[in-house]
Structures are given as C-alpha cells and as structure tokens.
Protein backbone atom coordinates (compact mmCIF):
# COMPACT_ATOMS: atom_id res chain seq x y z
CA MET A 1 -28.86 -53.15 -21.64
CA SER A 2 -25.56 -51.47 -23.71
CA ASN A 3 -25.69 -51.33 -27.34
CA LEU A 4 -22.41 -51.45 -29.56
CA LYS A 5 -21.74 -51.53 -32.92
CA ALA A 6 -19.50 -54.13 -34.45
CA VAL A 7 -17.51 -54.54 -37.61
CA LYS A 8 -16.76 -57.82 -39.52
CA ARG A 9 -13.09 -58.17 -39.17
CA GLU A 10 -11.72 -60.22 -42.21
CA ASN A 11 -8.23 -60.27 -41.84
CA ILE A 12 -6.89 -61.45 -38.38
CA SER A 13 -2.92 -61.46 -38.77
CA THR A 14 -1.08 -59.69 -36.02
CA GLY A 15 -0.01 -56.71 -38.53
CA SER A 16 -3.93 -56.28 -39.20
CA ASN A 17 -4.60 -56.36 -35.36
CA LYS A 18 -2.00 -53.52 -34.49
CA LYS A 19 -3.01 -51.15 -37.57
CA LEU A 20 -6.97 -51.69 -35.92
CA ARG A 21 -5.80 -50.52 -32.31
CA ALA A 22 -4.05 -47.66 -33.60
CA ASN A 23 -7.08 -46.90 -35.37
CA GLY A 24 -8.82 -47.00 -32.13
CA LEU A 25 -10.58 -50.21 -32.38
CA ILE A 26 -10.35 -53.44 -30.40
CA PRO A 27 -9.86 -56.88 -32.33
CA ALA A 28 -13.00 -59.37 -30.89
CA ILE A 29 -14.85 -62.68 -31.38
CA ILE A 30 -18.33 -64.01 -30.98
CA TYR A 31 -18.61 -67.42 -30.29
CA GLY A 32 -21.10 -70.32 -29.07
CA GLY A 33 -24.51 -71.32 -30.25
CA LYS A 34 -25.04 -72.97 -33.64
CA ASN A 35 -23.54 -69.77 -35.37
CA PRO A 36 -19.62 -70.64 -36.47
CA ASN A 37 -17.32 -67.73 -34.57
CA GLN A 38 -17.41 -64.30 -35.88
CA ASN A 39 -14.16 -62.16 -36.08
CA ILE A 40 -15.25 -58.60 -35.38
CA SER A 41 -13.86 -55.25 -33.90
CA ILE A 42 -15.45 -52.40 -31.92
CA SER A 43 -14.75 -49.02 -31.15
CA LYS A 44 -12.73 -48.88 -28.19
CA LYS A 45 -14.57 -45.40 -27.29
CA GLU A 46 -17.44 -47.13 -27.03
CA VAL A 47 -16.75 -49.82 -24.62
CA SER A 48 -14.39 -47.55 -22.27
CA GLY A 49 -17.28 -46.74 -20.54
CA ILE A 50 -18.14 -50.12 -19.27
CA ILE A 51 -15.40 -52.34 -19.76
CA LYS A 52 -13.81 -51.01 -16.37
CA SER A 53 -17.19 -51.62 -14.75
CA GLU A 54 -17.04 -54.38 -11.99
CA THR A 55 -20.23 -56.29 -13.88
CA PHE A 56 -18.47 -56.24 -17.55
CA LEU A 57 -18.17 -59.97 -17.70
CA SER A 58 -21.61 -60.46 -16.50
CA LYS A 59 -23.39 -57.67 -18.53
CA VAL A 60 -25.63 -58.56 -21.30
CA LEU A 61 -24.86 -56.66 -24.23
CA GLU A 62 -26.54 -56.16 -27.67
CA LEU A 63 -23.83 -56.11 -30.51
CA ASP A 64 -25.00 -54.63 -34.28
CA LEU A 65 -23.17 -55.98 -36.46
CA ASP A 66 -24.38 -54.97 -40.81
CA GLY A 67 -27.58 -54.20 -39.12
CA LYS A 68 -28.26 -57.54 -37.53
CA LYS A 69 -28.70 -57.68 -33.71
CA GLU A 70 -27.22 -60.05 -31.46
CA LYS A 71 -27.16 -60.47 -27.59
CA VAL A 72 -23.87 -61.46 -26.09
CA ILE A 73 -22.10 -61.39 -22.68
CA PRO A 74 -17.87 -60.86 -22.26
CA ARG A 75 -16.38 -63.76 -21.22
CA ASP A 76 -12.80 -62.80 -21.24
CA VAL A 77 -10.64 -59.40 -22.04
CA ALA A 78 -6.83 -59.47 -22.64
CA TYR A 79 -5.14 -56.24 -21.68
CA ASN A 80 -1.78 -55.03 -22.78
CA VAL A 81 0.93 -56.00 -19.87
CA VAL A 82 2.48 -52.28 -20.46
CA SER A 83 -0.37 -49.72 -20.68
CA GLU A 84 -3.08 -52.05 -19.56
CA GLU A 85 -5.53 -51.24 -22.54
CA PRO A 86 -7.50 -53.65 -23.69
CA ILE A 87 -6.54 -55.62 -26.43
CA HIS A 88 -9.12 -58.28 -27.06
CA ILE A 89 -12.58 -59.43 -26.10
CA ASP A 90 -14.30 -63.10 -26.44
CA PHE A 91 -17.95 -62.09 -26.67
CA MET A 92 -20.54 -65.56 -26.25
CA ARG A 93 -23.70 -65.77 -28.20
CA ILE A 94 -26.92 -65.79 -25.24
CA VAL A 95 -29.11 -68.94 -26.97
CA SER A 96 -32.59 -68.69 -25.36
CA GLY A 97 -33.53 -71.67 -23.22
CA LYS A 98 -29.49 -72.18 -22.27
CA LYS A 99 -27.85 -71.68 -18.87
CA ILE A 100 -24.95 -69.98 -18.45
CA VAL A 101 -22.70 -70.16 -15.50
CA LEU A 102 -21.40 -66.68 -14.39
CA GLU A 103 -20.18 -65.00 -11.19
CA ILE A 104 -22.14 -61.76 -10.44
CA PRO A 105 -21.26 -59.06 -8.33
CA VAL A 106 -22.77 -58.85 -4.87
CA LYS A 107 -24.00 -55.35 -3.55
CA PHE A 108 -24.99 -54.46 -0.10
CA VAL A 109 -27.75 -51.55 0.61
CA ASN A 110 -29.28 -50.20 3.34
CA HIS A 111 -26.28 -49.63 5.89
CA PRO A 112 -28.31 -46.71 7.91
CA ASP A 113 -31.23 -49.48 8.88
CA SER A 114 -28.05 -52.21 10.46
CA PRO A 115 -28.48 -51.65 14.19
CA GLY A 116 -25.31 -53.56 14.50
CA LEU A 117 -23.25 -50.97 11.92
CA LYS A 118 -25.17 -48.32 14.07
CA LYS A 119 -23.15 -49.99 17.19
CA GLY A 120 -19.89 -49.61 15.74
CA GLY A 121 -20.12 -53.16 13.78
CA VAL A 122 -18.15 -54.19 10.85
CA LEU A 123 -19.67 -55.72 7.85
CA ASN A 124 -17.11 -58.24 6.88
CA ILE A 125 -17.47 -59.05 3.26
CA VAL A 126 -16.92 -63.01 3.23
CA ARG A 127 -17.85 -63.39 -0.86
CA ARG A 128 -17.89 -60.15 -3.20
CA LYS A 129 -18.83 -62.39 -6.28
CA VAL A 130 -21.44 -65.54 -6.28
CA GLU A 131 -21.19 -68.22 -9.11
CA LEU A 132 -24.76 -68.38 -10.15
CA ARG A 133 -26.14 -70.78 -12.97
CA CYS A 134 -28.67 -68.56 -14.91
CA PRO A 135 -30.92 -68.77 -17.67
CA ALA A 136 -29.32 -66.68 -20.66
CA GLU A 137 -32.82 -64.62 -21.24
CA ASN A 138 -32.69 -63.55 -17.30
CA ILE A 139 -29.23 -62.56 -16.26
CA PRO A 140 -28.88 -60.32 -13.24
CA ASP A 141 -26.40 -57.59 -12.96
CA GLU A 142 -25.86 -58.05 -9.66
CA ILE A 143 -26.87 -59.80 -6.41
CA VAL A 144 -28.81 -57.42 -3.77
CA VAL A 145 -28.41 -57.72 0.16
CA ASP A 146 -30.17 -56.03 2.18
CA LEU A 147 -28.74 -55.00 5.62
CA THR A 148 -31.74 -54.04 7.23
CA GLY A 149 -32.14 -55.42 10.93
CA THR A 150 -29.08 -56.81 10.78
CA ASP A 151 -27.45 -56.90 14.20
CA ILE A 152 -23.76 -57.88 15.58
CA GLY A 153 -23.22 -61.47 15.01
CA THR A 154 -25.66 -62.12 11.87
CA SER A 155 -24.28 -64.39 9.51
CA LEU A 156 -26.00 -63.45 5.79
CA LYS A 157 -26.02 -66.79 4.17
CA ILE A 158 -27.08 -67.38 0.30
CA SER A 159 -30.63 -68.96 1.28
CA SER A 160 -31.31 -65.49 2.98
CA ILE A 161 -30.44 -64.05 -0.27
CA LYS A 162 -33.46 -63.10 -2.30
CA LEU A 163 -32.24 -64.63 -6.15
CA PRO A 164 -33.98 -64.09 -9.49
CA GLU A 165 -36.61 -66.81 -10.73
CA ASN A 166 -34.80 -69.78 -11.98
CA VAL A 167 -30.98 -68.42 -11.03
CA ALA A 168 -29.10 -70.86 -8.27
CA PRO A 169 -25.73 -70.60 -6.81
CA THR A 170 -23.50 -73.43 -8.34
CA ILE A 171 -22.56 -74.27 -4.95
CA THR A 172 -25.32 -76.69 -3.61
CA ASP A 173 -23.87 -78.99 -0.91
CA ARG A 174 -24.14 -76.17 1.71
CA ASP A 175 -25.57 -72.93 2.94
CA PHE A 176 -22.76 -71.01 2.48
CA VAL A 177 -21.82 -67.29 4.19
CA VAL A 178 -22.06 -64.18 2.30
CA ALA A 179 -20.96 -61.74 4.39
CA THR A 180 -21.21 -61.21 8.56
CA VAL A 181 -22.08 -58.25 10.88
CA ALA A 182 -18.87 -58.37 13.14
CA ALA A 183 -18.47 -56.83 16.25
CA PRO A 184 -16.04 -53.80 16.21
CA THR A 185 -12.15 -54.57 16.98
CA VAL A 186 -10.66 -51.96 19.51
CA ILE A 187 -7.02 -51.64 19.53
CA LYS A 188 -5.65 -51.26 23.09
CA GLU A 189 -2.74 -48.82 23.35
CA PRO A 190 0.62 -50.06 24.92
CA GLU A 191 0.85 -48.88 28.16
CA LYS A 192 3.63 -46.21 28.65
CA PRO A 193 6.62 -47.73 31.27
CA ALA A 194 6.36 -45.81 34.73
CA GLU A 195 9.50 -43.32 34.98
CA GLU A 196 11.79 -45.14 37.06
CA ALA A 197 12.63 -43.16 40.16
CA PRO A 198 16.66 -42.09 40.95
CA ALA A 199 18.56 -44.25 43.47
CA GLU A 200 18.86 -43.32 46.72
CA GLY A 201 22.54 -43.57 46.62
CA ALA A 202 22.49 -41.37 43.47
CA GLU A 203 19.96 -38.67 45.22
CA GLY A 204 22.24 -38.29 48.41
CA ASP A 205 25.20 -37.88 46.21
CA ALA A 206 23.59 -35.08 44.20
CA GLN A 207 22.30 -33.57 47.42
CA SER A 208 26.30 -34.10 48.85
CA GLU A 209 27.35 -32.49 45.80
CA GLY A 210 24.96 -29.52 45.88
CA ALA A 211 25.78 -28.82 49.52
CA ASP A 212 29.89 -29.23 48.47
CA ALA A 213 29.11 -26.48 45.83
CA SER A 214 27.16 -24.50 48.28
CA SER A 215 29.92 -24.27 50.71
CA LYS A 216 33.06 -23.92 48.52
CA GLU A 217 30.77 -20.82 46.97
CA ALA A 218 30.23 -19.32 50.80
CA ASP A 219 34.13 -19.56 51.23
CA ALA A 220 34.48 -18.10 47.90
CA SER A 221 32.49 -15.02 49.16
CA LYS A 222 34.00 -14.86 52.38
CA LYS A 223 37.66 -14.65 51.13
CA ASP A 224 36.14 -11.74 48.64
CA ASP A 225 34.97 -9.79 51.28
CA LYS A 226 38.14 -10.17 53.32
CA THR A 227 40.03 -8.90 50.20
CA LYS A 228 37.88 -6.08 50.08
CA ASP A 229 37.91 -5.13 53.51
CA SER A 230 41.90 -5.14 54.01
CA SER A 231 42.13 -2.97 50.62
CA GLY A 232 39.95 -0.37 52.23
CA SER A 233 41.79 -0.71 55.30
CA ASP A 234 45.37 -0.09 53.68
CA LYS A 235 43.50 3.13 51.75
CA LYS A 236 42.24 4.31 55.01
CA THR A 237 45.93 4.15 56.50
CA GLU A 238 47.68 6.07 53.63
CA ASP A 239 44.85 8.50 53.93
CA LYS A 240 45.68 9.21 57.76
CA LYS A 241 49.76 9.62 57.56
CA PRO A 242 50.89 12.36 59.70
CA ALA A 243 51.45 16.30 58.32
CA GLU A 244 55.48 16.47 58.37
CA LYS A 245 56.89 19.32 60.66
CA LYS A 246 58.28 22.34 59.58
CA PRO A 247 61.86 22.84 61.18
CA ALA A 248 61.61 25.72 63.98
CA GLU A 249 62.92 29.52 62.58
CA LYS A 250 66.16 30.50 64.60
CA LYS A 251 66.04 33.64 66.57
C-alpha cells in the first residue's frame, strides 16, 4: 500500500489552485462515508510514480492528513488537455463493511507453459479489465489468469478464474469470456502472375528483322572487300608502268 502525505486546502478558488500547481502540488478532494468532503492537496512528485500505472484507479492508498491516516481509493483524475499533466484527483474513503464496484486489470501469467502458444497460437484478450464488486477491505490489485495447460481453442471464462474471497463480477447473468487461445493466422502472399510469352508473330518478325540485318551487314562487308580489291589492283597497275625507252644514238 502506498502512503501519501496530504495537506488541507482551505481556499478552492481557481487562482489558488493555479498557485498550488505552480508549486508542484495537485488539488484533490476526499469524499464518501459519514465524514464531510475534505479539500486537500498532494505532492505531484510523490504521486507521479503510481498515477501512470494501470492499477491506479483500483489501488488502495493511505493518506496522511495532519497526522491522521485514512484509506482511500482514487476514483477520477483530471488532466490538462495540452500538457496531459494531472490537475485534480478525486479520492473516495474506504469504509469497512461496504462493497465497492471497481474495474480491476487482468494479468496473464505462465505464457511458456501454454501448449497452444507453443504451437504458434495467439492469446486473444477479450477483456483487459473486469468490473468486480469488492469488499472495501479486500480490493485486489489485479486478476491473475494462469495460462498453464491451455491449448488452441481454449476459452478462459470468468468461472475458471480464481477471485479473492467475497469478490464477484458485476455481470452475473452469463459466464463471459475473458480471453481465448486462438489458432495462428497465416497470411498467404498473392501469387505472382506468370510472365507472358511473346506472340508467335512477334517472334517471327523479330527473327526476320534479325535475318535482314545480318544480310545487310554481309552485303556491306562484301562491298568493302571489293573496294579494297579494286584499289589494290589500281595501285599494282600504277606500280607496273613500262620503263620509257631512250632514243637511239646517231652514228
């Protein structure tokens, strides 16, 4: 049980509350039971460690108000819409012998001992909190669900969960499901479409174009060779010109 120190708050004006928040305090109120409502303030630093927990609104706290200790339970928290910082808390007195309706968080344990989860099954949580009617002096922090031995297809109903003494669900007309161990979900990837084979006509045209190109290249090569031969023969002809005859000398 967490202990918090509280200070009486006489002035409840808006300006006074702003000043308290600026000094690291949170305005709050205690109500319920036979005693009158009491305006208080508590240290933001002291409560910050537990106010963010999932069990805060079902957690029994002990407030120390001027040396007098009183058990309370948080019932509501107001937050700043911009900074999301707590700006006011409502506490309800716990009166012995009275029963309180609370939403208690569900905690699942022994995941490795579940055959269904070992096979690849999935824990499908239907209710993360269950509303219970609890004695003021026996409020559980959480409901523990043991997954040992659970197989695929198992439904964990409220009747199979062990609750503290004198604690009962507010839903009494049915045995509701808290969680199930479901079969694994397999996502099948879509098959890729087969690559389309080229049309016969297109293939024939491609081959024809290739043959024409080869034929043109061959003709061009032959022309080049003829040109080379022609130029070579002309050169040889020029090289074989007959020598000029000298005129015969006169006797």
